[in-house]
Amino acid sequence: MEFKIDTKPNFIMLTPVSNHLDAKLTAALSQKWEELTQSGSANFIIDLHNCLDADNASFNELTLLHENCYNAGQSLVFTGMNEEVLEALKKEELDTVLNITPTMAEAVDIVNMEILERDLFKEDD
């Protein structure tokens, strides 16, 4: 799978080039997350604007990726979902489990807020 990777100061943006969100793509996203995490990256925004449709089988992997990120003390936000993919997620009631934003600016805000929250909790320890 091919991804466009854009490194910013507080996060890495991954943009799959594929136009179909399926289990193969989400497995590749998980593998890329693991590689980037091992190299020191901590926060991720996944821009799915290229994905025009989705298989429900991919949703379990997205949920697992989300859980793995947060268990590792990282942030993960999905953005750029087209209406069909978003509706499929809502049908599975995953829109309340995953961090999903309509715009990149909102995704960046969530990542930055979560970084601040983690920093504040570290100070309390």
N, C-alpha and C. Protein backbone atom coordinates (compact mmCIF):
# COMPACT_ATOMS: atom_id res chain seq x y z
N MET A 1 0.83 -1.18 0.00
CA MET A 1 0.00 0.00 0.00
C MET A 1 0.87 1.24 0.00
N GLU A 2 0.39 2.23 -0.68
CA GLU A 2 1.14 3.47 -0.79
C GLU A 2 0.47 4.55 0.06
N PHE A 3 1.31 5.31 0.77
CA PHE A 3 0.85 6.40 1.62
C PHE A 3 1.66 7.64 1.33
N LYS A 4 0.99 8.77 1.41
CA LYS A 4 1.70 10.04 1.44
C LYS A 4 1.93 10.32 2.91
N ILE A 5 3.17 10.62 3.29
CA ILE A 5 3.51 10.88 4.68
C ILE A 5 4.01 12.31 4.79
N ASP A 6 3.38 13.08 5.66
CA ASP A 6 3.76 14.47 5.88
C ASP A 6 4.07 14.64 7.36
N THR A 7 5.32 14.95 7.66
CA THR A 7 5.75 15.09 9.05
C THR A 7 5.64 16.54 9.49
N LYS A 8 4.89 16.75 10.54
CA LYS A 8 4.72 18.07 11.14
C LYS A 8 5.35 18.05 12.54
N PRO A 9 5.51 19.21 13.19
CA PRO A 9 6.15 19.22 14.51
C PRO A 9 5.45 18.34 15.56
N ASN A 10 4.11 18.31 15.58
CA ASN A 10 3.40 17.59 16.62
C ASN A 10 2.73 16.30 16.17
N PHE A 11 2.78 16.00 14.88
CA PHE A 11 2.10 14.81 14.38
C PHE A 11 2.62 14.41 13.01
N ILE A 12 2.24 13.22 12.62
CA ILE A 12 2.50 12.75 11.25
C ILE A 12 1.16 12.54 10.59
N MET A 13 1.04 13.06 9.37
CA MET A 13 -0.19 12.85 8.62
C MET A 13 0.05 11.75 7.60
N LEU A 14 -0.81 10.75 7.66
CA LEU A 14 -0.78 9.65 6.70
C LEU A 14 -1.98 9.78 5.79
N THR A 15 -1.74 9.76 4.49
CA THR A 15 -2.82 9.83 3.51
C THR A 15 -2.71 8.63 2.58
N PRO A 16 -3.59 7.65 2.75
CA PRO A 16 -3.57 6.52 1.82
C PRO A 16 -3.91 7.00 0.41
N VAL A 17 -3.22 6.44 -0.58
CA VAL A 17 -3.46 6.81 -1.96
C VAL A 17 -4.64 6.02 -2.53
N SER A 18 -4.98 4.93 -1.91
CA SER A 18 -6.06 4.05 -2.37
C SER A 18 -7.43 4.74 -2.28
N ASN A 19 -8.33 4.36 -3.19
CA ASN A 19 -9.68 4.92 -3.13
C ASN A 19 -10.68 3.98 -2.48
N HIS A 20 -10.19 2.86 -1.93
CA HIS A 20 -11.08 1.90 -1.27
C HIS A 20 -10.51 1.53 0.10
N LEU A 21 -11.27 1.76 1.14
CA LEU A 21 -10.87 1.43 2.50
C LEU A 21 -11.28 -0.01 2.77
N ASP A 22 -10.27 -0.89 2.81
CA ASP A 22 -10.56 -2.30 3.06
C ASP A 22 -9.58 -2.84 4.10
N ALA A 23 -9.73 -4.12 4.42
CA ALA A 23 -8.90 -4.73 5.46
C ALA A 23 -7.41 -4.69 5.09
N LYS A 24 -7.10 -4.81 3.82
CA LYS A 24 -5.71 -4.76 3.37
C LYS A 24 -5.11 -3.37 3.64
N LEU A 25 -5.87 -2.33 3.35
CA LEU A 25 -5.40 -0.97 3.59
C LEU A 25 -5.26 -0.68 5.08
N THR A 26 -6.23 -1.10 5.87
CA THR A 26 -6.15 -0.82 7.31
C THR A 26 -5.02 -1.62 7.96
N ALA A 27 -4.75 -2.83 7.47
CA ALA A 27 -3.61 -3.59 7.98
C ALA A 27 -2.30 -2.87 7.63
N ALA A 28 -2.22 -2.32 6.44
CA ALA A 28 -1.04 -1.56 6.04
C ALA A 28 -0.89 -0.29 6.88
N LEU A 29 -2.01 0.36 7.20
CA LEU A 29 -1.98 1.53 8.09
C LEU A 29 -1.43 1.15 9.45
N SER A 30 -1.89 0.03 9.98
CA SER A 30 -1.41 -0.43 11.29
C SER A 30 0.09 -0.72 11.26
N GLN A 31 0.54 -1.34 10.19
CA GLN A 31 1.96 -1.64 10.06
C GLN A 31 2.77 -0.35 9.97
N LYS A 32 2.29 0.61 9.19
CA LYS A 32 2.98 1.90 9.05
C LYS A 32 3.00 2.63 10.40
N TRP A 33 1.89 2.58 11.15
CA TRP A 33 1.85 3.19 12.48
C TRP A 33 2.92 2.57 13.37
N GLU A 34 3.03 1.25 13.32
CA GLU A 34 4.02 0.56 14.15
C GLU A 34 5.44 0.99 13.79
N GLU A 35 5.73 1.06 12.50
CA GLU A 35 7.06 1.50 12.05
C GLU A 35 7.36 2.92 12.51
N LEU A 36 6.40 3.81 12.33
CA LEU A 36 6.61 5.20 12.70
C LEU A 36 6.71 5.38 14.21
N THR A 37 5.95 4.59 14.96
CA THR A 37 6.02 4.65 16.42
C THR A 37 7.40 4.21 16.89
N GLN A 38 7.93 3.15 16.29
CA GLN A 38 9.26 2.66 16.67
C GLN A 38 10.35 3.68 16.35
N SER A 39 10.10 4.54 15.36
CA SER A 39 11.10 5.56 15.02
C SER A 39 10.89 6.85 15.81
N GLY A 40 9.95 6.83 16.78
CA GLY A 40 9.79 7.96 17.69
C GLY A 40 8.59 8.85 17.45
N SER A 41 7.78 8.56 16.48
CA SER A 41 6.58 9.37 16.23
C SER A 41 5.50 9.03 17.26
N ALA A 42 4.71 10.06 17.64
CA ALA A 42 3.76 9.82 18.71
C ALA A 42 2.31 10.17 18.39
N ASN A 43 2.06 10.99 17.40
CA ASN A 43 0.70 11.43 17.13
C ASN A 43 0.44 11.36 15.63
N PHE A 44 -0.79 10.94 15.30
CA PHE A 44 -1.09 10.66 13.90
C PHE A 44 -2.44 11.22 13.49
N ILE A 45 -2.47 11.75 12.29
CA ILE A 45 -3.72 12.13 11.63
C ILE A 45 -3.77 11.32 10.35
N ILE A 46 -4.86 10.61 10.15
CA ILE A 46 -5.03 9.83 8.93
C ILE A 46 -6.10 10.49 8.09
N ASP A 47 -5.67 10.97 6.93
CA ASP A 47 -6.56 11.68 6.00
C ASP A 47 -7.10 10.68 4.99
N LEU A 48 -8.39 10.41 5.06
CA LEU A 48 -9.02 9.40 4.22
C LEU A 48 -9.79 10.00 3.05
N HIS A 49 -9.44 11.20 2.62
CA HIS A 49 -10.22 11.86 1.57
C HIS A 49 -10.17 11.10 0.24
N ASN A 50 -9.14 10.30 0.01
CA ASN A 50 -9.05 9.51 -1.23
C ASN A 50 -9.96 8.29 -1.22
N CYS A 51 -10.35 7.84 -0.04
CA CYS A 51 -11.16 6.62 0.09
C CYS A 51 -12.64 6.95 -0.18
N LEU A 52 -13.12 6.44 -1.28
CA LEU A 52 -14.49 6.75 -1.70
C LEU A 52 -15.51 5.79 -1.13
N ASP A 53 -15.07 4.60 -0.74
CA ASP A 53 -15.97 3.63 -0.12
C ASP A 53 -15.17 2.75 0.84
N ALA A 54 -15.88 1.94 1.62
CA ALA A 54 -15.23 1.14 2.64
C ALA A 54 -15.92 -0.20 2.81
N ASP A 55 -15.11 -1.20 3.14
CA ASP A 55 -15.63 -2.50 3.55
C ASP A 55 -15.79 -2.47 5.06
N ASN A 56 -16.86 -3.05 5.55
CA ASN A 56 -17.05 -3.10 7.00
C ASN A 56 -15.93 -3.87 7.69
N ALA A 57 -15.29 -4.79 6.99
CA ALA A 57 -14.18 -5.55 7.57
C ALA A 57 -13.03 -4.64 7.98
N SER A 58 -12.90 -3.49 7.34
CA SER A 58 -11.81 -2.57 7.67
C SER A 58 -12.04 -1.86 8.99
N PHE A 59 -13.27 -1.78 9.44
CA PHE A 59 -13.59 -1.01 10.64
C PHE A 59 -12.99 -1.61 11.91
N ASN A 60 -12.93 -2.92 11.99
CA ASN A 60 -12.33 -3.55 13.18
C ASN A 60 -10.87 -3.16 13.30
N GLU A 61 -10.17 -3.14 12.18
CA GLU A 61 -8.75 -2.77 12.20
C GLU A 61 -8.58 -1.29 12.57
N LEU A 62 -9.46 -0.43 12.09
CA LEU A 62 -9.39 0.99 12.47
C LEU A 62 -9.59 1.16 13.97
N THR A 63 -10.55 0.41 14.51
CA THR A 63 -10.83 0.48 15.94
C THR A 63 -9.63 -0.03 16.75
N LEU A 64 -9.04 -1.13 16.30
CA LEU A 64 -7.86 -1.68 16.98
C LEU A 64 -6.68 -0.70 16.91
N LEU A 65 -6.49 -0.08 15.77
CA LEU A 65 -5.43 0.93 15.62
C LEU A 65 -5.65 2.09 16.58
N HIS A 66 -6.90 2.53 16.68
CA HIS A 66 -7.25 3.62 17.60
C HIS A 66 -6.92 3.22 19.04
N GLU A 67 -7.32 2.03 19.44
CA GLU A 67 -7.05 1.54 20.80
C GLU A 67 -5.55 1.43 21.06
N ASN A 68 -4.81 0.91 20.09
CA ASN A 68 -3.36 0.76 20.25
C ASN A 68 -2.67 2.10 20.43
N CYS A 69 -3.10 3.09 19.65
CA CYS A 69 -2.52 4.44 19.78
C CYS A 69 -2.74 4.99 21.18
N TYR A 70 -3.96 4.94 21.64
CA TYR A 70 -4.26 5.53 22.95
C TYR A 70 -3.67 4.74 24.09
N ASN A 71 -3.55 3.43 23.94
CA ASN A 71 -2.88 2.62 24.96
C ASN A 71 -1.39 2.95 25.02
N ALA A 72 -0.83 3.43 23.92
CA ALA A 72 0.58 3.81 23.86
C ALA A 72 0.78 5.29 24.24
N GLY A 73 -0.29 5.98 24.65
CA GLY A 73 -0.18 7.38 25.03
C GLY A 73 -0.03 8.30 23.84
N GLN A 74 -0.62 7.91 22.71
CA GLN A 74 -0.54 8.69 21.48
C GLN A 74 -1.91 9.22 21.11
N SER A 75 -1.93 10.08 20.11
CA SER A 75 -3.18 10.59 19.56
C SER A 75 -3.37 10.05 18.15
N LEU A 76 -4.63 9.82 17.78
CA LEU A 76 -4.97 9.39 16.44
C LEU A 76 -6.31 10.02 16.07
N VAL A 77 -6.32 10.72 14.94
CA VAL A 77 -7.54 11.36 14.46
C VAL A 77 -7.69 11.02 12.98
N PHE A 78 -8.92 10.68 12.60
CA PHE A 78 -9.25 10.43 11.21
C PHE A 78 -9.96 11.67 10.67
N THR A 79 -9.59 12.07 9.47
CA THR A 79 -10.22 13.24 8.87
C THR A 79 -10.43 13.00 7.37
N GLY A 80 -11.22 13.86 6.76
CA GLY A 80 -11.41 13.82 5.32
C GLY A 80 -12.30 12.70 4.82
N MET A 81 -13.07 12.10 5.70
CA MET A 81 -13.94 10.99 5.26
C MET A 81 -15.06 11.50 4.38
N ASN A 82 -15.30 10.79 3.29
CA ASN A 82 -16.44 11.18 2.47
C ASN A 82 -17.72 10.65 3.13
N GLU A 83 -18.83 11.11 2.67
CA GLU A 83 -20.12 10.82 3.32
C GLU A 83 -20.44 9.33 3.36
N GLU A 84 -20.11 8.60 2.30
CA GLU A 84 -20.42 7.17 2.27
C GLU A 84 -19.65 6.39 3.34
N VAL A 85 -18.37 6.69 3.49
CA VAL A 85 -17.55 6.02 4.51
C VAL A 85 -18.03 6.40 5.90
N LEU A 86 -18.31 7.68 6.10
CA LEU A 86 -18.79 8.14 7.40
C LEU A 86 -20.13 7.50 7.76
N GLU A 87 -21.03 7.39 6.82
CA GLU A 87 -22.33 6.75 7.07
C GLU A 87 -22.15 5.28 7.43
N ALA A 88 -21.22 4.60 6.77
CA ALA A 88 -20.96 3.19 7.09
C ALA A 88 -20.42 3.06 8.52
N LEU A 89 -19.55 3.98 8.93
CA LEU A 89 -19.05 3.98 10.30
C LEU A 89 -20.17 4.24 11.30
N LYS A 90 -21.05 5.19 10.97
CA LYS A 90 -22.17 5.50 11.86
C LYS A 90 -23.11 4.30 12.00
N LYS A 91 -23.31 3.60 10.91
CA LYS A 91 -24.18 2.42 10.94
C LYS A 91 -23.65 1.36 11.91
N GLU A 92 -22.32 1.27 12.00
CA GLU A 92 -21.67 0.34 12.93
C GLU A 92 -21.46 0.96 14.31
N GLU A 93 -21.91 2.20 14.49
CA GLU A 93 -21.79 2.96 15.74
C GLU A 93 -20.34 3.17 16.16
N LEU A 94 -19.46 3.32 15.17
CA LEU A 94 -18.05 3.55 15.45
C LEU A 94 -17.69 5.03 15.42
N ASP A 95 -18.62 5.86 14.98
CA ASP A 95 -18.35 7.30 14.95
C ASP A 95 -18.20 7.88 16.34
N THR A 96 -18.71 7.17 17.36
CA THR A 96 -18.56 7.65 18.73
C THR A 96 -17.33 7.06 19.41
N VAL A 97 -16.70 6.07 18.78
CA VAL A 97 -15.53 5.41 19.34
C VAL A 97 -14.24 6.02 18.79
N LEU A 98 -14.25 6.33 17.51
CA LEU A 98 -13.07 6.87 16.84
C LEU A 98 -13.08 8.40 16.87
N ASN A 99 -11.90 9.00 16.85
CA ASN A 99 -11.79 10.45 16.69
C ASN A 99 -11.92 10.76 15.21
N ILE A 100 -13.04 11.37 14.82
CA ILE A 100 -13.29 11.70 13.42
C ILE A 100 -13.62 13.18 13.34
N THR A 101 -12.93 13.88 12.45
CA THR A 101 -13.22 15.30 12.25
C THR A 101 -13.46 15.56 10.76
N PRO A 102 -14.29 16.55 10.46
CA PRO A 102 -14.52 16.87 9.06
C PRO A 102 -13.36 17.61 8.40
N THR A 103 -12.58 18.34 9.19
CA THR A 103 -11.51 19.15 8.59
C THR A 103 -10.15 18.85 9.23
N MET A 104 -9.13 19.16 8.48
CA MET A 104 -7.76 18.98 8.97
C MET A 104 -7.50 19.91 10.16
N ALA A 105 -8.01 21.13 10.13
CA ALA A 105 -7.79 22.07 11.23
C ALA A 105 -8.34 21.51 12.55
N GLU A 106 -9.51 20.89 12.49
CA GLU A 106 -10.08 20.29 13.71
C GLU A 106 -9.26 19.10 14.18
N ALA A 107 -8.73 18.32 13.24
CA ALA A 107 -7.89 17.18 13.61
C ALA A 107 -6.62 17.67 14.32
N VAL A 108 -6.01 18.72 13.79
CA VAL A 108 -4.82 19.29 14.41
C VAL A 108 -5.15 19.81 15.81
N ASP A 109 -6.30 20.46 15.97
CA ASP A 109 -6.71 20.96 17.29
C ASP A 109 -6.84 19.82 18.30
N ILE A 110 -7.44 18.70 17.88
CA ILE A 110 -7.59 17.57 18.80
C ILE A 110 -6.23 17.04 19.22
N VAL A 111 -5.33 16.85 18.26
CA VAL A 111 -3.99 16.36 18.59
C VAL A 111 -3.31 17.31 19.57
N ASN A 112 -3.36 18.60 19.30
CA ASN A 112 -2.70 19.57 20.18
C ASN A 112 -3.33 19.60 21.57
N MET A 113 -4.64 19.49 21.65
CA MET A 113 -5.31 19.45 22.97
C MET A 113 -4.90 18.20 23.75
N GLU A 114 -4.83 17.07 23.07
CA GLU A 114 -4.45 15.83 23.75
C GLU A 114 -3.00 15.87 24.21
N ILE A 115 -2.13 16.51 23.45
CA ILE A 115 -0.73 16.68 23.88
C ILE A 115 -0.69 17.50 25.17
N LEU A 116 -1.46 18.59 25.20
CA LEU A 116 -1.53 19.42 26.42
C LEU A 116 -2.07 18.64 27.60
N GLU A 117 -3.13 17.86 27.37
CA GLU A 117 -3.71 17.05 28.45
C GLU A 117 -2.69 16.06 29.01
N ARG A 118 -1.97 15.38 28.13
CA ARG A 118 -0.97 14.42 28.61
C ARG A 118 0.12 15.13 29.39
N ASP A 119 0.55 16.31 28.92
CA ASP A 119 1.56 17.08 29.64
C ASP A 119 1.06 17.50 31.02
N LEU A 120 -0.20 17.93 31.11
CA LEU A 120 -0.77 18.32 32.40
C LEU A 120 -0.86 17.14 33.36
N PHE A 121 -1.25 15.98 32.86
CA PHE A 121 -1.34 14.80 33.72
C PHE A 121 0.02 14.36 34.20
N LYS A 122 1.05 14.55 33.38
CA LYS A 122 2.42 14.20 33.81
C LYS A 122 2.87 15.12 34.93
N GLU A 123 2.49 16.40 34.88
CA GLU A 123 2.86 17.35 35.93
C GLU A 123 2.20 17.00 37.25
N ASP A 124 1.01 16.40 37.20
CA ASP A 124 0.29 16.05 38.42
C ASP A 124 0.91 14.85 39.13
N ASP A 125 1.68 14.06 38.41
CA ASP A 125 2.28 12.85 39.01
C ASP A 125 3.38 13.15 39.96
